[in-house]
Amino acid sequence: MHKFTPINLEPVARSGPVPSDTKRPDIGIFHVADDAITNASTDSEIAREFIAHGELSEKSIANTQKELFRFLTWCREEAGRSFHQLSVADLNLYKEFLKNPPPDWVATTKWPRTDPRYRPFTGPLSDASRRQAMIAVKGLLAFAEQTGYMRRNPARLVKNVRAPVASRITRYLTPHAIGLALATVSARAAETPSALRRRARDRFLLVAFTHTGARLNEIVSANMGAIYTEGNGRWWLDVIGKGNKPRRLPVPPEMLAALRDYRQAFGLLPQTSRTDRTPLVLSSRNHSLARITDEAAAQALKAVFAAAAFAAAGQGDTETAAVLRQASPHWLRHSMLTNHANNGVQLKTLQDTAGHANIATTAAYLHKTDNERHDEIIASVIGRGGP
C-alpha cells in the first residue's frame, strides 16, 4: 500500500451497517460508547457517515471528501494516530501542516486519485483555504463526538484559521479586457471539427460567465434545458447554487446568440427546450454529448485568458496583459458584479443574482465611490499645485 492509497469516502447508505474497509490502529485500546448512535468502527467509516449526514450537493461532497482524505491520510502517515488519540496540539500541528505540505505530498498536476502519481496538494494552502479545511475537520470530529464514536473532541479547543477579508473586490476584468478575450477566442484558428467545437464552446463559456456572474460549477452542472423563456421575451438560466439553493439568472441576447452558434457547432438544433437534459458544457473531443468537469472548463477559460494576454502584450498594453495572465474563471463573476454595480444597478438586484446571503458581500463590488473619491483628491492636488 503506497502512502496515498485511496480511502473510501463515499457517503454511506441511510440504513444498514457500514461495511468495514480498513482497520483502526487503536482497536483493542479504545472503544465506541455502548450507547453510540453510529455503526462506524473505523475513522474512515465515521467520515463516510458524516458526509452522508450533511445532505450536501455533489460539489460539496467532492470538496469534503478532498479535505477529509487529506486529514485521514495525515493522521495515518504523519501523526500515526487515530481520531481517539488526537490532541489539541495534534490538530494545531495539522493547521500548520496545511501552510506548507512536504514535497512528497505535492504534485503540480492534478492526477486522478487512483493514479499512483496523485498527491493531496498542489502547493501550500492560503489562509482562506486552510480555514475551509479546518471547518471540514472540526465538523467531522464534532459529529464523531455527538454520535458516540469519540468520547471527547479536542477540536472544540482549536481556534479557527483567521482569513483576511477584503473590504472590496480587486480581482476582476475591465470591459476592455473581456472584449479582448472575446475577440481572441473568436479569431482562434479551427481547422478540425474538434477545434471548431472547442472554439464555439469556449466562446459560449466566456460569454455565459461574463453575463450571468454564475459560479463555475453552477454552469458546468446545468443542462441545455436550463436556458429558457416563459414567452414574454425574457430569457433565463436556472442554476443550483451553494446550499442547493436555486436561482434564475437573466440571459441577454449576446449569450443566446453564442449558445445557438455553440449548439450548431456540435450538430444540435439552434433552439432547445426545457426538457432537454443534454449537458450545457460539452466535451469537444467526444462524439457523444459528454459533460466536461469543472477543472476542464476552468482550464479552457484560462487558455482563453492566456491567449488574450499574449495579444494585449503584442499591442503594448502591458497592464491588461498582466491582469489577464492572473485571471481565473471566478474573476468573470467578480467582473459581472463589479461592472453592473458601477453602472448603477441596485445592490439588492445584484445580491439576488449573485446568490449572496449578505448584502455586505455584494457591496464589496462597488468601486465607483472609490474612483470618485480618488479623482476628487487628485483634482484638488492638481488644482492647487501640490499638497
Protein backbone atom coordinates (compact mmCIF):
# COMPACT_ATOMS: atom_id res chain seq x y z
CA MET A 1 0.00 0.00 0.00
CA HIS A 2 1.51 3.33 -1.05
CA LYS A 3 1.26 6.44 1.07
CA PHE A 4 -1.71 7.98 -0.73
CA THR A 5 -3.80 4.88 -1.28
CA PRO A 6 -7.41 5.95 -1.96
CA ILE A 7 -9.74 5.88 1.03
CA ASN A 8 -13.39 5.00 0.52
CA LEU A 9 -15.22 8.20 1.44
CA GLU A 10 -18.43 7.60 -0.48
CA PRO A 11 -21.47 8.64 1.60
CA VAL A 12 -22.97 5.60 3.33
CA ALA A 13 -26.50 4.45 2.72
CA ARG A 14 -29.10 5.83 5.10
CA SER A 15 -29.78 2.42 6.60
CA GLY A 16 -27.79 -0.67 7.39
CA PRO A 17 -24.31 -1.17 8.86
CA VAL A 18 -21.25 0.40 7.34
CA PRO A 19 -19.05 -2.19 5.60
CA SER A 20 -15.63 -2.11 7.20
CA ASP A 21 -12.80 -1.38 4.73
CA THR A 22 -9.87 -0.53 7.00
CA LYS A 23 -8.78 -1.41 10.50
CA ARG A 24 -8.33 1.33 13.02
CA PRO A 25 -4.90 1.30 14.61
CA ASP A 26 -6.38 1.61 18.11
CA ILE A 27 -8.64 -1.46 18.04
CA GLY A 28 -8.44 -3.09 21.47
CA ILE A 29 -7.39 0.14 23.19
CA PHE A 30 -10.33 2.46 22.64
CA HIS A 31 -13.96 1.55 22.19
CA VAL A 32 -17.01 3.23 20.78
CA ALA A 33 -19.51 4.18 23.51
CA ASP A 34 -22.02 1.47 24.46
CA ASP A 35 -24.92 3.82 23.65
CA ALA A 36 -23.40 5.15 20.42
CA ILE A 37 -25.81 6.10 17.65
CA THR A 38 -23.42 5.11 14.87
CA ASN A 39 -22.47 1.89 13.13
CA ALA A 40 -18.96 3.16 12.41
CA SER A 41 -16.00 1.27 13.85
CA THR A 42 -13.17 2.99 11.94
CA ASP A 43 -12.21 6.58 11.26
CA SER A 44 -12.97 6.33 7.56
CA GLU A 45 -16.41 4.87 8.34
CA ILE A 46 -17.37 7.76 10.62
CA ALA A 47 -16.13 10.12 7.89
CA ARG A 48 -18.46 8.45 5.38
CA GLU A 49 -21.39 8.76 7.80
CA PHE A 50 -20.55 12.43 8.34
CA ILE A 51 -20.55 13.13 4.59
CA ALA A 52 -23.89 11.37 4.16
CA HIS A 53 -25.39 13.16 7.17
CA GLY A 54 -24.80 16.60 5.68
CA GLU A 55 -27.17 16.23 2.69
CA LEU A 56 -24.58 18.06 0.62
CA SER A 57 -24.57 18.91 -3.07
CA GLU A 58 -22.40 16.84 -5.37
CA LYS A 59 -19.79 19.61 -5.47
CA SER A 60 -19.78 19.99 -1.68
CA ILE A 61 -19.42 16.22 -1.26
CA ALA A 62 -16.37 16.24 -3.54
CA ASN A 63 -14.78 19.14 -1.63
CA THR A 64 -15.46 17.49 1.74
CA GLN A 65 -14.03 14.18 0.51
CA LYS A 66 -10.88 16.01 -0.63
CA GLU A 67 -10.40 17.67 2.76
CA LEU A 68 -11.12 14.53 4.78
CA PHE A 69 -8.83 12.40 2.61
CA ARG A 70 -6.04 14.84 3.41
CA PHE A 71 -6.82 14.72 7.11
CA LEU A 72 -7.23 10.94 7.35
CA THR A 73 -4.00 10.42 5.43
CA TRP A 74 -2.18 12.91 7.66
CA CYS A 75 -3.45 11.12 10.78
CA ARG A 76 -2.16 7.80 9.46
CA GLU A 77 1.09 8.82 7.78
CA GLU A 78 2.32 11.87 9.69
CA ALA A 79 0.73 11.78 13.16
CA GLY A 80 0.40 8.00 13.43
CA ARG A 81 -2.82 8.47 15.39
CA SER A 82 -6.47 7.55 15.18
CA PHE A 83 -9.19 10.09 15.93
CA HIS A 84 -9.42 8.78 19.52
CA GLN A 85 -5.76 9.57 20.10
CA LEU A 86 -5.73 13.11 18.71
CA SER A 87 -4.92 16.02 20.99
CA VAL A 88 -5.38 19.77 20.66
CA ALA A 89 -1.67 20.03 19.87
CA ASP A 90 -2.05 17.49 17.04
CA LEU A 91 -4.82 19.49 15.40
CA ASN A 92 -2.83 22.70 15.70
CA LEU A 93 0.07 20.89 14.03
CA TYR A 94 -2.26 19.93 11.19
CA LYS A 95 -3.26 23.58 10.76
CA GLU A 96 0.42 24.43 10.35
CA PHE A 97 0.98 21.42 8.08
CA LEU A 98 -1.55 22.87 5.62
CA LYS A 99 0.53 26.03 5.32
CA ASN A 100 3.43 24.18 3.73
CA PRO A 101 2.89 20.47 2.95
CA PRO A 102 6.09 18.43 2.46
CA PRO A 103 7.27 18.00 -1.16
CA ASP A 104 6.16 14.36 -1.29
CA TRP A 105 2.57 15.49 -0.60
CA VAL A 106 2.58 17.91 -3.54
CA ALA A 107 2.10 17.47 -7.29
CA THR A 108 1.55 20.36 -9.69
CA THR A 109 -0.56 18.10 -11.94
CA LYS A 110 -4.00 17.04 -10.68
CA TRP A 111 -3.83 13.29 -11.24
CA PRO A 112 -6.88 11.08 -10.59
CA ARG A 113 -6.92 9.72 -7.05
CA THR A 114 -6.49 6.19 -8.36
CA ASP A 115 -3.25 7.17 -10.12
CA PRO A 116 -0.05 6.38 -8.16
CA ARG A 117 1.17 9.90 -9.02
CA TYR A 118 -1.77 11.52 -7.23
CA ARG A 119 -0.88 13.83 -4.37
CA PRO A 120 -3.29 15.60 -1.99
CA PHE A 121 -1.92 19.11 -2.61
CA THR A 122 -0.77 21.28 -5.49
CA GLY A 123 1.05 23.62 -3.11
CA PRO A 124 0.65 25.48 0.20
CA LEU A 125 -2.89 26.50 1.15
CA SER A 126 -3.92 30.11 1.60
CA ASP A 127 -5.42 31.18 4.91
CA ALA A 128 -8.88 31.08 3.33
CA SER A 129 -8.32 27.50 2.10
CA ARG A 130 -6.87 26.44 5.46
CA ARG A 131 -9.96 27.87 7.14
CA GLN A 132 -12.24 25.77 4.91
CA ALA A 133 -10.09 22.69 5.51
CA MET A 134 -10.34 23.06 9.28
CA ILE A 135 -14.09 23.70 9.11
CA ALA A 136 -14.46 20.27 7.46
CA VAL A 137 -12.18 18.60 10.03
CA LYS A 138 -13.88 20.23 13.01
CA GLY A 139 -17.29 19.33 11.63
CA LEU A 140 -16.25 15.69 11.29
CA LEU A 141 -14.84 15.46 14.82
CA ALA A 142 -17.91 17.17 16.30
CA PHE A 143 -20.12 14.64 14.51
CA ALA A 144 -17.91 11.79 15.81
CA GLU A 145 -18.37 13.04 19.37
CA GLN A 146 -22.12 13.59 19.02
CA THR A 147 -22.69 10.07 17.69
CA GLY A 148 -20.64 8.47 20.47
CA TYR A 149 -17.80 7.37 18.20
CA MET A 150 -15.43 9.57 20.25
CA ARG A 151 -15.62 10.27 23.98
CA ARG A 152 -14.17 13.79 23.69
CA ASN A 153 -13.49 16.19 20.88
CA PRO A 154 -10.19 18.12 21.02
CA ALA A 155 -11.27 20.24 18.07
CA ARG A 156 -13.54 22.18 20.45
CA LEU A 157 -10.41 23.90 21.76
CA VAL A 158 -8.84 24.60 18.37
CA LYS A 159 -9.30 28.15 17.10
CA ASN A 160 -10.49 28.77 13.56
CA VAL A 161 -7.99 29.98 11.00
CA ARG A 162 -8.30 33.72 10.58
CA ALA A 163 -8.53 34.66 6.93
CA PRO A 164 -8.26 38.33 5.98
CA VAL A 165 -11.45 39.68 4.42
CA ALA A 166 -11.04 42.17 1.62
CA SER A 167 -13.16 45.31 2.01
CA ARG A 168 -13.65 45.37 -1.74
CA ILE A 169 -13.10 43.07 -4.72
CA THR A 170 -9.96 43.68 -6.76
CA ARG A 171 -9.78 40.52 -8.88
CA TYR A 172 -11.91 41.44 -11.84
CA LEU A 173 -11.54 42.22 -15.55
CA THR A 174 -12.44 45.51 -17.13
CA PRO A 175 -14.84 45.58 -20.10
CA HIS A 176 -11.79 46.25 -22.30
CA ALA A 177 -10.01 43.10 -21.07
CA ILE A 178 -13.15 41.00 -21.53
CA GLY A 179 -13.64 42.42 -25.03
CA LEU A 180 -10.06 41.49 -25.90
CA ALA A 181 -10.58 37.94 -24.60
CA LEU A 182 -13.77 37.62 -26.64
CA ALA A 183 -12.06 38.86 -29.81
CA THR A 184 -9.15 36.49 -29.23
CA VAL A 185 -11.25 33.35 -28.82
CA SER A 186 -13.49 34.33 -31.74
CA ALA A 187 -10.43 34.62 -34.00
CA ARG A 188 -8.85 31.36 -32.84
CA ALA A 189 -7.85 29.09 -35.74
CA ALA A 190 -10.04 25.98 -36.01
CA GLU A 191 -9.07 23.59 -38.80
CA THR A 192 -10.71 20.40 -37.50
CA PRO A 193 -14.26 19.60 -36.37
CA SER A 194 -12.99 19.16 -32.81
CA ALA A 195 -11.27 22.56 -32.89
CA LEU A 196 -14.43 24.18 -34.29
CA ARG A 197 -16.48 22.68 -31.46
CA ARG A 198 -13.93 23.76 -28.86
CA ARG A 199 -13.82 27.34 -30.17
CA ALA A 200 -17.62 27.69 -30.14
CA ARG A 201 -17.84 26.13 -26.67
CA ASP A 202 -15.09 28.29 -25.17
CA ARG A 203 -16.66 31.41 -26.66
CA PHE A 204 -20.00 30.45 -25.14
CA LEU A 205 -18.35 29.82 -21.76
CA LEU A 206 -16.71 33.24 -21.80
CA VAL A 207 -19.95 35.00 -22.75
CA ALA A 208 -22.05 32.98 -20.28
CA PHE A 209 -19.85 33.65 -17.25
CA THR A 210 -19.39 37.29 -18.24
CA HIS A 211 -23.12 37.97 -18.44
CA THR A 212 -24.56 35.78 -15.69
CA GLY A 213 -21.93 36.04 -12.93
CA ALA A 214 -22.58 32.37 -12.16
CA ARG A 215 -20.09 30.25 -10.26
CA LEU A 216 -18.08 27.72 -12.27
CA ASN A 217 -19.95 24.63 -11.07
CA GLU A 218 -23.34 26.30 -11.46
CA ILE A 219 -22.94 26.46 -15.24
CA VAL A 220 -20.93 23.27 -15.72
CA SER A 221 -23.54 21.20 -13.82
CA ALA A 222 -26.51 22.71 -15.69
CA ASN A 223 -28.32 21.19 -18.67
CA MET A 224 -29.25 22.80 -22.01
CA GLY A 225 -32.88 22.97 -20.90
CA ALA A 226 -31.89 25.29 -18.05
CA ILE A 227 -31.88 28.17 -20.57
CA TYR A 228 -35.48 29.04 -21.42
CA THR A 229 -38.09 31.72 -21.93
CA GLU A 230 -41.58 31.95 -20.50
CA GLY A 231 -42.86 33.59 -23.64
CA ASN A 232 -42.58 37.23 -22.59
CA GLY A 233 -39.31 37.98 -24.36
CA ARG A 234 -37.24 37.37 -21.22
CA TRP A 235 -34.73 34.53 -21.20
CA TRP A 236 -33.41 32.87 -18.05
CA LEU A 237 -30.77 30.41 -16.89
CA ASP A 238 -31.70 28.20 -13.93
CA VAL A 239 -28.79 27.21 -11.69
CA ILE A 240 -28.35 25.46 -8.34
CA GLY A 241 -26.09 27.47 -6.07
CA LYS A 242 -24.49 27.00 -2.66
CA GLY A 243 -26.62 25.09 -0.19
CA ASN A 244 -28.64 23.64 -3.11
CA LYS A 245 -30.45 26.98 -3.45
CA PRO A 246 -31.97 27.52 -6.90
CA ARG A 247 -31.54 30.84 -8.73
CA ARG A 248 -32.53 32.06 -12.13
CA LEU A 249 -30.25 34.44 -13.95
CA PRO A 250 -31.15 36.87 -16.77
CA VAL A 251 -29.80 35.80 -20.18
CA PRO A 252 -29.03 38.65 -22.64
CA PRO A 253 -29.26 38.36 -26.46
CA GLU A 254 -25.46 38.05 -26.85
CA MET A 255 -25.45 34.92 -24.71
CA LEU A 256 -28.38 33.44 -26.66
CA ALA A 257 -26.53 34.04 -29.93
CA ALA A 258 -23.38 32.38 -28.53
CA LEU A 259 -25.49 29.42 -27.34
CA ARG A 260 -27.03 28.93 -30.81
CA ASP A 261 -23.61 29.05 -32.51
CA TYR A 262 -22.24 26.63 -29.93
CA ARG A 263 -25.11 24.16 -30.39
CA GLN A 264 -24.79 24.28 -34.18
CA ALA A 265 -21.06 23.55 -33.91
CA PHE A 266 -21.98 20.33 -32.08
CA GLY A 267 -24.60 19.39 -34.68
CA LEU A 268 -27.54 20.34 -32.46
CA LEU A 269 -30.57 22.40 -33.36
CA PRO A 270 -30.10 26.10 -32.57
CA GLN A 271 -33.09 26.09 -30.24
CA THR A 272 -33.52 23.92 -27.15
CA SER A 273 -36.44 23.08 -24.87
CA ARG A 274 -36.88 23.00 -21.10
CA THR A 275 -36.93 19.19 -21.19
CA ASP A 276 -33.50 18.98 -22.85
CA ARG A 277 -31.22 17.05 -20.49
CA THR A 278 -28.10 17.47 -22.64
CA PRO A 279 -25.22 18.83 -20.54
CA LEU A 280 -24.80 22.58 -21.02
CA VAL A 281 -20.99 22.39 -21.24
CA LEU A 282 -19.84 19.63 -23.60
CA SER A 283 -16.53 17.95 -24.28
CA SER A 284 -15.24 18.85 -27.73
CA ARG A 285 -13.31 15.58 -28.01
CA ASN A 286 -16.11 13.05 -27.67
CA HIS A 287 -18.57 12.15 -30.39
CA SER A 288 -21.10 11.55 -27.64
CA LEU A 289 -22.55 14.55 -25.81
CA ALA A 290 -20.50 14.27 -22.62
CA ARG A 291 -20.26 16.83 -19.82
CA ILE A 292 -16.82 18.19 -19.01
CA THR A 293 -15.51 18.62 -15.49
CA ASP A 294 -15.18 21.86 -13.58
CA GLU A 295 -11.40 21.59 -13.94
CA ALA A 296 -11.62 21.17 -17.73
CA ALA A 297 -13.90 24.21 -18.05
CA ALA A 298 -11.54 26.25 -15.88
CA GLN A 299 -8.53 25.25 -17.98
CA ALA A 300 -10.39 26.16 -21.18
CA LEU A 301 -11.08 29.67 -19.91
CA LYS A 302 -7.55 30.09 -18.56
CA ALA A 303 -6.27 29.24 -22.06
CA VAL A 304 -8.51 31.99 -23.46
CA PHE A 305 -7.11 34.48 -20.92
CA ALA A 306 -3.53 33.43 -21.72
CA ALA A 307 -4.09 33.97 -25.44
CA ALA A 308 -5.71 37.36 -24.76
CA ALA A 309 -2.77 38.32 -22.53
CA PHE A 310 -0.39 37.49 -25.39
CA ALA A 311 -2.47 39.67 -27.73
CA ALA A 312 -2.52 42.55 -25.22
CA ALA A 313 1.25 42.37 -24.81
CA GLY A 314 1.63 42.46 -28.60
CA GLN A 315 -0.39 45.68 -28.62
CA GLY A 316 1.86 47.21 -25.97
CA ASP A 317 -0.88 47.03 -23.32
CA THR A 318 1.27 45.54 -20.58
CA GLU A 319 -1.18 46.37 -17.77
CA THR A 320 -4.07 44.44 -19.35
CA ALA A 321 -1.71 41.60 -20.26
CA ALA A 322 -0.55 41.29 -16.65
CA VAL A 323 -4.13 41.17 -15.34
CA LEU A 324 -5.23 38.56 -17.90
CA ARG A 325 -2.29 36.32 -17.03
CA GLN A 326 -3.54 36.17 -13.43
CA ALA A 327 -7.23 35.78 -14.26
CA SER A 328 -9.31 32.73 -13.41
CA PRO A 329 -12.94 31.89 -14.30
CA HIS A 330 -14.13 33.26 -10.96
CA TRP A 331 -12.83 36.67 -11.99
CA LEU A 332 -15.66 36.78 -14.55
CA ARG A 333 -18.17 36.54 -11.70
CA HIS A 334 -16.40 39.43 -9.96
CA SER A 335 -16.30 41.31 -13.26
CA MET A 336 -20.02 40.99 -13.93
CA LEU A 337 -20.97 42.17 -10.46
CA THR A 338 -18.40 44.98 -10.38
CA ASN A 339 -19.31 46.36 -13.79
CA HIS A 340 -23.06 46.28 -13.09
CA ALA A 341 -22.59 47.83 -9.63
CA ASN A 342 -20.58 50.65 -11.15
CA ASN A 343 -23.28 51.11 -13.81
CA GLY A 344 -25.81 51.85 -11.09
CA VAL A 345 -27.64 48.51 -10.82
CA GLN A 346 -29.22 48.28 -7.35
CA LEU A 347 -27.26 46.18 -4.87
CA LYS A 348 -30.40 44.16 -3.96
CA THR A 349 -30.74 43.15 -7.63
CA LEU A 350 -27.11 42.08 -7.74
CA GLN A 351 -27.40 40.26 -4.40
CA ASP A 352 -30.29 38.14 -5.70
CA THR A 353 -28.47 37.47 -8.98
CA ALA A 354 -25.22 36.51 -7.26
CA GLY A 355 -26.89 34.41 -4.56
CA HIS A 356 -25.18 36.27 -1.72
CA ALA A 357 -26.65 35.65 1.73
CA ASN A 358 -25.43 39.03 2.98
CA ILE A 359 -25.74 42.26 1.01
CA ALA A 360 -22.44 43.41 2.55
CA THR A 361 -20.75 40.79 0.35
CA THR A 362 -22.34 42.38 -2.71
CA ALA A 363 -21.38 45.88 -1.59
CA ALA A 364 -17.70 44.92 -1.87
CA TYR A 365 -18.13 45.03 -5.65
CA LEU A 366 -19.00 48.73 -5.69
CA HIS A 367 -15.88 50.61 -6.83
CA LYS A 368 -17.48 53.77 -8.21
CA THR A 369 -17.31 55.67 -4.93
CA ASP A 370 -13.62 54.72 -4.57
CA ASN A 371 -12.88 56.02 -8.07
CA GLU A 372 -14.80 59.23 -7.46
CA ARG A 373 -13.01 59.75 -4.13
CA HIS A 374 -9.64 59.21 -5.86
CA ASP A 375 -10.45 61.66 -8.66
CA GLU A 376 -11.66 64.36 -6.26
CA ILE A 377 -8.47 64.18 -4.18
CA ILE A 378 -6.18 64.17 -7.24
CA ALA A 379 -8.11 67.02 -8.85
CA SER A 380 -7.74 69.00 -5.63
CA VAL A 381 -3.99 68.33 -5.55
CA ILE A 382 -3.56 69.33 -9.19
CA GLY A 383 -5.80 72.36 -8.78
CA ARG A 384 -3.71 73.89 -6.02
CA GLY A 385 -0.36 72.79 -7.39
CA GLY A 386 0.58 70.25 -4.75
CA PRO A 387 -0.14 69.16 -1.16
